[in-house]
Amino acid sequence: MIPSVAELQLFTGTMVSGKSTLALQTNHNHAARGRIGRIFTSQDRAGTATLSSRLGLSVDAIEVDDTFNFWHYVVDSLTSGGRIDYLICDEAQFYTTDQVDQLARLVDDLQIDVFAFGIMTDFRTRLFPGSARMVELADRVHSLQVEALCWCGQRATHNARTENGEMVIEGEVIVVGDVDMIDQPAPEVGYEVLCRQHHRRRMTVARAQAASLSPDVLPFG
């Protein structure tokens, strides 16, 4: 019988595609089979050291900042008598390339499964360095089947940052915020998922609503 081999798997999609929900479900499934894991996250919208889903579920997690070392953490845990069979790594786009390399080493050298969850590109449509390195090293990359939708109803492929409802394309790469909701006032800083056409045109929900109310503004100007 061929022994099972650990893998580095990346699950990716836009915002609101269910990545964190899947991370929680993956942890539940493995824990239910008696496996012991650790949960990691970075800059979750619910706060530090928390993995949260928009469905209202959340668990405590280990916060990953730029100085965190996955290899040292796991080796120290194992040498202290702990057991680790797998890692759940949410918000993996925020990890450094060195941290992704450490995760790959844990898979190869210690046979620990790593399940990583994250988005590919930032609000400027550019790959996050952590996500790019994940794609380069992952044994498998999964695109989530639950598709997020643009306000127009088309499949959302791009993440947009908004300030008071207006889309911006410059600024700090990492700014924590939640997704704008159609039936709620636009937050000072938020995010919105758009199809490529409306991302290119910077047509957010707020702009689309304003355009539909004004006869002088074309809906896709």
C-alpha atoms as a PDB file:
ATOM      1  CA  MET A   1       0.000   0.000   0.000  1.00  0.00           C
ATOM      2  CA  ILE A   2       1.384   3.378  -1.023  1.00  0.00           C
ATOM      3  CA  PRO A   3       1.525   5.742   1.996  1.00  0.00           C
ATOM      4  CA  SER A   4      -0.357   9.000   1.718  1.00  0.00           C
ATOM      5  CA  VAL A   5       1.723  12.040   0.896  1.00  0.00           C
ATOM      6  CA  ALA A   6       1.073  15.448   2.421  1.00  0.00           C
ATOM      7  CA  GLU A   7       0.123  18.290   0.075  1.00  0.00           C
ATOM      8  CA  LEU A   8       0.146  22.051  -0.110  1.00  0.00           C
ATOM      9  CA  GLN A   9      -3.273  23.017  -1.457  1.00  0.00           C
ATOM     10  CA  LEU A  10      -4.496  26.503  -2.328  1.00  0.00           C
ATOM     11  CA  PHE A  11      -8.203  27.365  -2.457  1.00  0.00           C
ATOM     12  CA  THR A  12      -8.796  30.676  -4.160  1.00  0.00           C
ATOM     13  CA  GLY A  13     -11.583  32.966  -5.315  1.00  0.00           C
ATOM     14  CA  THR A  14     -12.678  36.580  -5.087  1.00  0.00           C
ATOM     15  CA  MET A  15     -13.970  38.116  -1.897  1.00  0.00           C
ATOM     16  CA  VAL A  16     -17.377  36.747  -0.783  1.00  0.00           C
ATOM     17  CA  SER A  17     -16.772  33.446  -2.566  1.00  0.00           C
ATOM     18  CA  GLY A  18     -16.774  31.447   0.673  1.00  0.00           C
ATOM     19  CA  LYS A  19     -13.062  30.906   1.295  1.00  0.00           C
ATOM     20  CA  SER A  20     -13.185  31.399   5.061  1.00  0.00           C
ATOM     21  CA  THR A  21     -16.331  29.299   5.315  1.00  0.00           C
ATOM     22  CA  LEU A  22     -14.533  26.506   3.470  1.00  0.00           C
ATOM     23  CA  ALA A  23     -11.519  26.908   5.749  1.00  0.00           C
ATOM     24  CA  LEU A  24     -13.745  26.393   8.786  1.00  0.00           C
ATOM     25  CA  GLN A  25     -15.435  23.392   7.161  1.00  0.00           C
ATOM     26  CA  THR A  26     -12.092  21.853   6.201  1.00  0.00           C
ATOM     27  CA  ASN A  27     -10.882  22.148   9.778  1.00  0.00           C
ATOM     28  CA  HIS A  28     -14.109  20.592  11.062  1.00  0.00           C
ATOM     29  CA  ASN A  29     -13.870  17.653   8.660  1.00  0.00           C
ATOM     30  CA  HIS A  30     -10.294  16.794   9.583  1.00  0.00           C
ATOM     31  CA  ALA A  31     -10.810  17.308  13.313  1.00  0.00           C
ATOM     32  CA  ALA A  32     -13.857  15.005  13.160  1.00  0.00           C
ATOM     33  CA  ARG A  33     -11.551  12.243  11.940  1.00  0.00           C
ATOM     34  CA  GLY A  34      -9.222  12.639  14.887  1.00  0.00           C
ATOM     35  CA  ARG A  35      -6.604  14.739  13.157  1.00  0.00           C
ATOM     36  CA  ILE A  36      -4.922  17.562  15.054  1.00  0.00           C
ATOM     37  CA  GLY A  37      -4.440  20.887  13.319  1.00  0.00           C
ATOM     38  CA  ARG A  38      -3.599  24.527  13.809  1.00  0.00           C
ATOM     39  CA  ILE A  39      -5.509  27.478  12.380  1.00  0.00           C
ATOM     40  CA  PHE A  40      -3.743  30.601  11.126  1.00  0.00           C
ATOM     41  CA  THR A  41      -5.000  33.870   9.730  1.00  0.00           C
ATOM     42  CA  SER A  42      -3.793  37.361   8.946  1.00  0.00           C
ATOM     43  CA  GLN A  43      -5.679  40.635   9.312  1.00  0.00           C
ATOM     44  CA  ASP A  44      -9.133  39.102   9.403  1.00  0.00           C
ATOM     45  CA  ARG A  45     -11.934  41.674   9.190  1.00  0.00           C
ATOM     46  CA  ALA A  46     -13.249  40.466  12.593  1.00  0.00           C
ATOM     47  CA  GLY A  47     -10.006  41.339  14.376  1.00  0.00           C
ATOM     48  CA  THR A  48      -6.667  39.913  15.406  1.00  0.00           C
ATOM     49  CA  ALA A  49      -6.240  36.147  15.869  1.00  0.00           C
ATOM     50  CA  THR A  50      -9.692  35.316  14.514  1.00  0.00           C
ATOM     51  CA  LEU A  51     -10.837  33.358  11.485  1.00  0.00           C
ATOM     52  CA  SER A  52     -14.336  34.534  10.619  1.00  0.00           C
ATOM     53  CA  SER A  53     -16.919  33.764   7.964  1.00  0.00           C
ATOM     54  CA  ARG A  54     -19.569  36.138   6.665  1.00  0.00           C
ATOM     55  CA  LEU A  55     -22.100  33.460   7.613  1.00  0.00           C
ATOM     56  CA  GLY A  56     -21.437  34.397  11.241  1.00  0.00           C
ATOM     57  CA  LEU A  57     -19.057  31.589  12.200  1.00  0.00           C
ATOM     58  CA  SER A  58     -15.670  32.264  13.770  1.00  0.00           C
ATOM     59  CA  VAL A  59     -12.889  30.507  15.657  1.00  0.00           C
ATOM     60  CA  ASP A  60      -9.733  31.554  17.438  1.00  0.00           C
ATOM     61  CA  ALA A  61      -6.647  31.462  15.258  1.00  0.00           C
ATOM     62  CA  ILE A  62      -2.953  32.235  15.363  1.00  0.00           C
ATOM     63  CA  GLU A  63      -2.193  35.651  13.880  1.00  0.00           C
ATOM     64  CA  VAL A  64       0.457  35.715  11.166  1.00  0.00           C
ATOM     65  CA  ASP A  65       2.462  38.910  10.800  1.00  0.00           C
ATOM     66  CA  ASP A  66       5.544  39.480   8.654  1.00  0.00           C
ATOM     67  CA  THR A  67       7.850  38.151  11.391  1.00  0.00           C
ATOM     68  CA  PHE A  68       6.017  34.875  11.976  1.00  0.00           C
ATOM     69  CA  ASN A  69       7.949  31.724  11.096  1.00  0.00           C
ATOM     70  CA  PHE A  70       5.821  28.647  10.336  1.00  0.00           C
ATOM     71  CA  TRP A  71       8.782  26.273  10.362  1.00  0.00           C
ATOM     72  CA  HIS A  72       9.991  27.366  13.789  1.00  0.00           C
ATOM     73  CA  TYR A  73       6.464  27.310  15.220  1.00  0.00           C
ATOM     74  CA  VAL A  74       5.743  23.761  14.081  1.00  0.00           C
ATOM     75  CA  VAL A  75       9.162  22.357  14.990  1.00  0.00           C
ATOM     76  CA  ASP A  76       8.980  23.938  18.449  1.00  0.00           C
ATOM     77  CA  SER A  77       5.486  22.493  18.947  1.00  0.00           C
ATOM     78  CA  LEU A  78       6.548  19.011  17.883  1.00  0.00           C
ATOM     79  CA  THR A  79       9.715  18.969  19.996  1.00  0.00           C
ATOM     80  CA  SER A  80       7.613  20.045  22.995  1.00  0.00           C
ATOM     81  CA  GLY A  81       5.471  16.939  22.595  1.00  0.00           C
ATOM     82  CA  GLY A  82       2.680  18.411  20.523  1.00  0.00           C
ATOM     83  CA  ARG A  83       1.058  16.837  17.507  1.00  0.00           C
ATOM     84  CA  ILE A  84       0.243  18.590  14.240  1.00  0.00           C
ATOM     85  CA  ASP A  85      -1.266  16.785  11.267  1.00  0.00           C
ATOM     86  CA  TYR A  86      -2.399  19.751   9.203  1.00  0.00           C
ATOM     87  CA  LEU A  87      -2.477  23.538   9.005  1.00  0.00           C
ATOM     88  CA  ILE A  88      -5.387  25.760   8.003  1.00  0.00           C
ATOM     89  CA  CYS A  89      -3.985  29.013   6.580  1.00  0.00           C
ATOM     90  CA  ASP A  90      -6.590  31.680   5.856  1.00  0.00           C
ATOM     91  CA  GLU A  91      -5.903  35.076   4.248  1.00  0.00           C
ATOM     92  CA  ALA A  92      -2.832  33.501   2.678  1.00  0.00           C
ATOM     93  CA  GLN A  93      -2.472  36.374   0.223  1.00  0.00           C
ATOM     94  CA  PHE A  94      -1.012  38.416   3.081  1.00  0.00           C
ATOM     95  CA  TYR A  95       1.775  35.922   3.806  1.00  0.00           C
ATOM     96  CA  THR A  96       5.308  36.710   2.704  1.00  0.00           C
ATOM     97  CA  THR A  97       7.034  34.630   0.047  1.00  0.00           C
ATOM     98  CA  ASP A  98       9.395  33.297   2.744  1.00  0.00           C
ATOM     99  CA  GLN A  99       6.408  32.140   4.804  1.00  0.00           C
ATOM    100  CA  VAL A 100       4.978  30.296   1.802  1.00  0.00           C
ATOM    101  CA  ASP A 101       8.362  28.621   1.326  1.00  0.00           C
ATOM    102  CA  GLN A 102       8.232  27.564   4.981  1.00  0.00           C
ATOM    103  CA  LEU A 103       4.816  25.996   4.458  1.00  0.00           C
ATOM    104  CA  ALA A 104       6.087  24.033   1.464  1.00  0.00           C
ATOM    105  CA  ARG A 105       9.021  22.798   3.539  1.00  0.00           C
ATOM    106  CA  LEU A 106       6.650  21.600   6.279  1.00  0.00           C
ATOM    107  CA  VAL A 107       4.743  19.591   3.677  1.00  0.00           C
ATOM    108  CA  ASP A 108       7.854  18.041   2.136  1.00  0.00           C
ATOM    109  CA  ASP A 109      10.050  17.473   5.186  1.00  0.00           C
ATOM    110  CA  LEU A 110       7.489  16.806   7.930  1.00  0.00           C
ATOM    111  CA  GLN A 111       4.545  15.459   5.910  1.00  0.00           C
ATOM    112  CA  ILE A 112       2.103  18.008   7.326  1.00  0.00           C
ATOM    113  CA  ASP A 113      -0.855  18.914   5.121  1.00  0.00           C
ATOM    114  CA  VAL A 114      -1.329  22.613   4.440  1.00  0.00           C
ATOM    115  CA  PHE A 115      -4.690  23.991   3.315  1.00  0.00           C
ATOM    116  CA  ALA A 116      -4.332  27.625   2.272  1.00  0.00           C
ATOM    117  CA  PHE A 117      -7.174  30.011   1.420  1.00  0.00           C
ATOM    118  CA  GLY A 118      -6.844  33.416  -0.193  1.00  0.00           C
ATOM    119  CA  ILE A 119      -7.533  35.817  -3.019  1.00  0.00           C
ATOM    120  CA  MET A 120      -5.173  36.159  -5.965  1.00  0.00           C
ATOM    121  CA  THR A 121      -5.117  39.868  -6.775  1.00  0.00           C
ATOM    122  CA  ASP A 122      -5.353  43.151  -4.919  1.00  0.00           C
ATOM    123  CA  PHE A 123      -7.638  46.083  -5.694  1.00  0.00           C
ATOM    124  CA  ARG A 124      -5.213  47.138  -8.469  1.00  0.00           C
ATOM    125  CA  THR A 125      -5.679  43.718 -10.183  1.00  0.00           C
ATOM    126  CA  ARG A 126      -2.076  42.778  -9.351  1.00  0.00           C
ATOM    127  CA  LEU A 127      -1.064  39.454  -7.841  1.00  0.00           C
ATOM    128  CA  PHE A 128      -0.280  39.426  -4.146  1.00  0.00           C
ATOM    129  CA  PRO A 129       3.306  38.166  -3.689  1.00  0.00           C
ATOM    130  CA  GLY A 130       2.088  35.503  -1.255  1.00  0.00           C
ATOM    131  CA  SER A 131      -0.558  34.266  -3.689  1.00  0.00           C
ATOM    132  CA  ALA A 132       1.894  34.205  -6.575  1.00  0.00           C
ATOM    133  CA  ARG A 133       4.329  32.103  -4.558  1.00  0.00           C
ATOM    134  CA  MET A 134       1.497  29.781  -3.518  1.00  0.00           C
ATOM    135  CA  VAL A 135       0.651  29.141  -7.163  1.00  0.00           C
ATOM    136  CA  GLU A 136       4.308  28.461  -7.922  1.00  0.00           C
ATOM    137  CA  LEU A 137       4.648  25.891  -5.128  1.00  0.00           C
ATOM    138  CA  ALA A 138       1.197  24.383  -4.519  1.00  0.00           C
ATOM    139  CA  ASP A 139       0.554  20.736  -5.310  1.00  0.00           C
ATOM    140  CA  ARG A 140      -3.005  21.678  -6.195  1.00  0.00           C
ATOM    141  CA  VAL A 141      -4.834  24.959  -6.816  1.00  0.00           C
ATOM    142  CA  HIS A 142      -8.626  24.947  -6.481  1.00  0.00           C
ATOM    143  CA  SER A 143     -10.916  27.676  -7.818  1.00  0.00           C
ATOM    144  CA  LEU A 144     -13.952  27.912  -5.558  1.00  0.00           C
ATOM    145  CA  GLN A 145     -17.159  26.804  -7.211  1.00  0.00           C
ATOM    146  CA  VAL A 146     -19.345  29.325  -5.384  1.00  0.00           C
ATOM    147  CA  GLU A 147     -19.105  32.325  -7.689  1.00  0.00           C
ATOM    148  CA  ALA A 148     -19.309  35.838  -6.310  1.00  0.00           C
ATOM    149  CA  LEU A 149     -21.436  38.147  -8.458  1.00  0.00           C
ATOM    150  CA  CYS A 150     -20.941  41.690  -9.632  1.00  0.00           C
ATOM    151  CA  TRP A 151     -23.828  44.104  -8.982  1.00  0.00           C
ATOM    152  CA  CYS A 152     -24.824  43.603 -12.641  1.00  0.00           C
ATOM    153  CA  GLY A 153     -25.314  39.867 -12.078  1.00  0.00           C
ATOM    154  CA  GLN A 154     -22.262  38.727 -14.016  1.00  0.00           C
ATOM    155  CA  ARG A 155     -19.512  36.624 -12.460  1.00  0.00           C
ATOM    156  CA  ALA A 156     -17.245  38.800 -10.306  1.00  0.00           C
ATOM    157  CA  THR A 157     -13.566  38.393 -11.136  1.00  0.00           C
ATOM    158  CA  HIS A 158     -11.966  41.477  -9.582  1.00  0.00           C
ATOM    159  CA  ASN A 159     -11.708  42.950  -6.088  1.00  0.00           C
ATOM    160  CA  ALA A 160     -12.224  46.717  -5.897  1.00  0.00           C
ATOM    161  CA  ARG A 161     -11.504  49.076  -3.017  1.00  0.00           C
ATOM    162  CA  THR A 162     -13.949  51.880  -2.388  1.00  0.00           C
ATOM    163  CA  GLU A 163     -13.780  55.074  -0.382  1.00  0.00           C
ATOM    164  CA  ASN A 164     -17.216  56.473   0.404  1.00  0.00           C
ATOM    165  CA  GLY A 165     -18.610  54.401  -2.452  1.00  0.00           C
ATOM    166  CA  GLU A 166     -16.066  55.563  -5.036  1.00  0.00           C
ATOM    167  CA  MET A 167     -13.554  53.080  -6.439  1.00  0.00           C
ATOM    168  CA  VAL A 168      -9.860  53.882  -5.931  1.00  0.00           C
ATOM    169  CA  ILE A 169      -6.836  52.404  -7.693  1.00  0.00           C
ATOM    170  CA  GLU A 170      -4.023  53.874  -5.587  1.00  0.00           C
ATOM    171  CA  GLY A 171      -3.014  53.569  -1.951  1.00  0.00           C
ATOM    172  CA  GLU A 172      -1.631  51.061   0.519  1.00  0.00           C
ATOM    173  CA  VAL A 173      -1.924  47.491  -0.725  1.00  0.00           C
ATOM    174  CA  ILE A 174      -3.257  46.174   2.587  1.00  0.00           C
ATOM    175  CA  VAL A 175      -6.146  48.056   4.189  1.00  0.00           C
ATOM    176  CA  VAL A 176      -8.625  46.005   6.200  1.00  0.00           C
ATOM    177  CA  GLY A 177     -12.283  46.500   5.395  1.00  0.00           C
ATOM    178  CA  ASP A 178     -15.443  44.579   4.610  1.00  0.00           C
ATOM    179  CA  VAL A 179     -17.506  44.218   1.467  1.00  0.00           C
ATOM    180  CA  ASP A 180     -19.965  46.976   0.529  1.00  0.00           C
ATOM    181  CA  MET A 181     -23.617  45.941   0.743  1.00  0.00           C
ATOM    182  CA  ILE A 182     -26.209  47.224  -1.713  1.00  0.00           C
ATOM    183  CA  ASP A 183     -28.819  47.939   0.968  1.00  0.00           C
ATOM    184  CA  GLN A 184     -26.456  49.672   3.402  1.00  0.00           C
ATOM    185  CA  PRO A 185     -24.586  53.014   3.344  1.00  0.00           C
ATOM    186  CA  ALA A 186     -21.144  52.764   1.769  1.00  0.00           C
ATOM    187  CA  PRO A 187     -18.404  52.512   4.425  1.00  0.00           C
ATOM    188  CA  GLU A 188     -15.569  55.014   4.507  1.00  0.00           C
ATOM    189  CA  VAL A 189     -13.231  52.275   3.243  1.00  0.00           C
ATOM    190  CA  GLY A 190     -14.726  49.105   1.841  1.00  0.00           C
ATOM    191  CA  TYR A 191     -14.392  46.487  -0.861  1.00  0.00           C
ATOM    192  CA  GLU A 192     -16.589  45.372  -3.699  1.00  0.00           C
ATOM    193  CA  VAL A 193     -16.403  42.498  -6.149  1.00  0.00           C
ATOM    194  CA  LEU A 194     -16.910  43.452  -9.788  1.00  0.00           C
ATOM    195  CA  CYS A 195     -16.787  41.877 -13.223  1.00  0.00           C
ATOM    196  CA  ARG A 196     -13.820  42.957 -15.328  1.00  0.00           C
ATOM    197  CA  GLN A 197     -15.915  45.363 -17.404  1.00  0.00           C
ATOM    198  CA  HIS A 198     -17.200  47.305 -14.424  1.00  0.00           C
ATOM    199  CA  HIS A 199     -13.862  47.189 -12.620  1.00  0.00           C
ATOM    200  CA  ARG A 200     -12.239  48.716 -15.695  1.00  0.00           C
ATOM    201  CA  ARG A 201     -14.938  51.391 -15.821  1.00  0.00           C
ATOM    202  CA  ARG A 202     -14.837  51.914 -12.040  1.00  0.00           C
ATOM    203  CA  MET A 203     -18.580  51.357 -11.972  1.00  0.00           C
ATOM    204  CA  THR A 204     -19.338  50.505  -8.351  1.00  0.00           C
ATOM    205  CA  VAL A 205     -22.774  49.854  -6.875  1.00  0.00           C
ATOM    206  CA  ALA A 206     -22.941  53.456  -5.671  1.00  0.00           C
ATOM    207  CA  ARG A 207     -22.065  54.847  -9.107  1.00  0.00           C
ATOM    208  CA  ALA A 208     -24.514  52.535 -10.839  1.00  0.00           C
ATOM    209  CA  GLN A 209     -27.314  53.590  -8.488  1.00  0.00           C
ATOM    210  CA  ALA A 210     -26.491  57.264  -8.983  1.00  0.00           C
ATOM    211  CA  ALA A 211     -26.422  56.828 -12.758  1.00  0.00           C
ATOM    212  CA  SER A 212     -29.795  55.108 -12.802  1.00  0.00           C
ATOM    213  CA  LEU A 213     -31.341  58.047 -10.913  1.00  0.00           C
ATOM    214  CA  SER A 214     -29.993  60.694 -13.248  1.00  0.00           C
ATOM    215  CA  PRO A 215     -31.195  61.012 -16.866  1.00  0.00           C
ATOM    216  CA  ASP A 216     -28.016  62.923 -17.697  1.00  0.00           C
ATOM    217  CA  VAL A 217     -25.649  60.033 -16.876  1.00  0.00           C
ATOM    218  CA  LEU A 218     -25.390  56.934 -19.021  1.00  0.00           C
ATOM    219  CA  PRO A 219     -25.536  53.706 -16.954  1.00  0.00           C
ATOM    220  CA  PHE A 220     -22.180  52.482 -18.288  1.00  0.00           C
ATOM    221  CA  GLY A 221     -20.329  55.732 -18.822  1.00  0.00           C
END
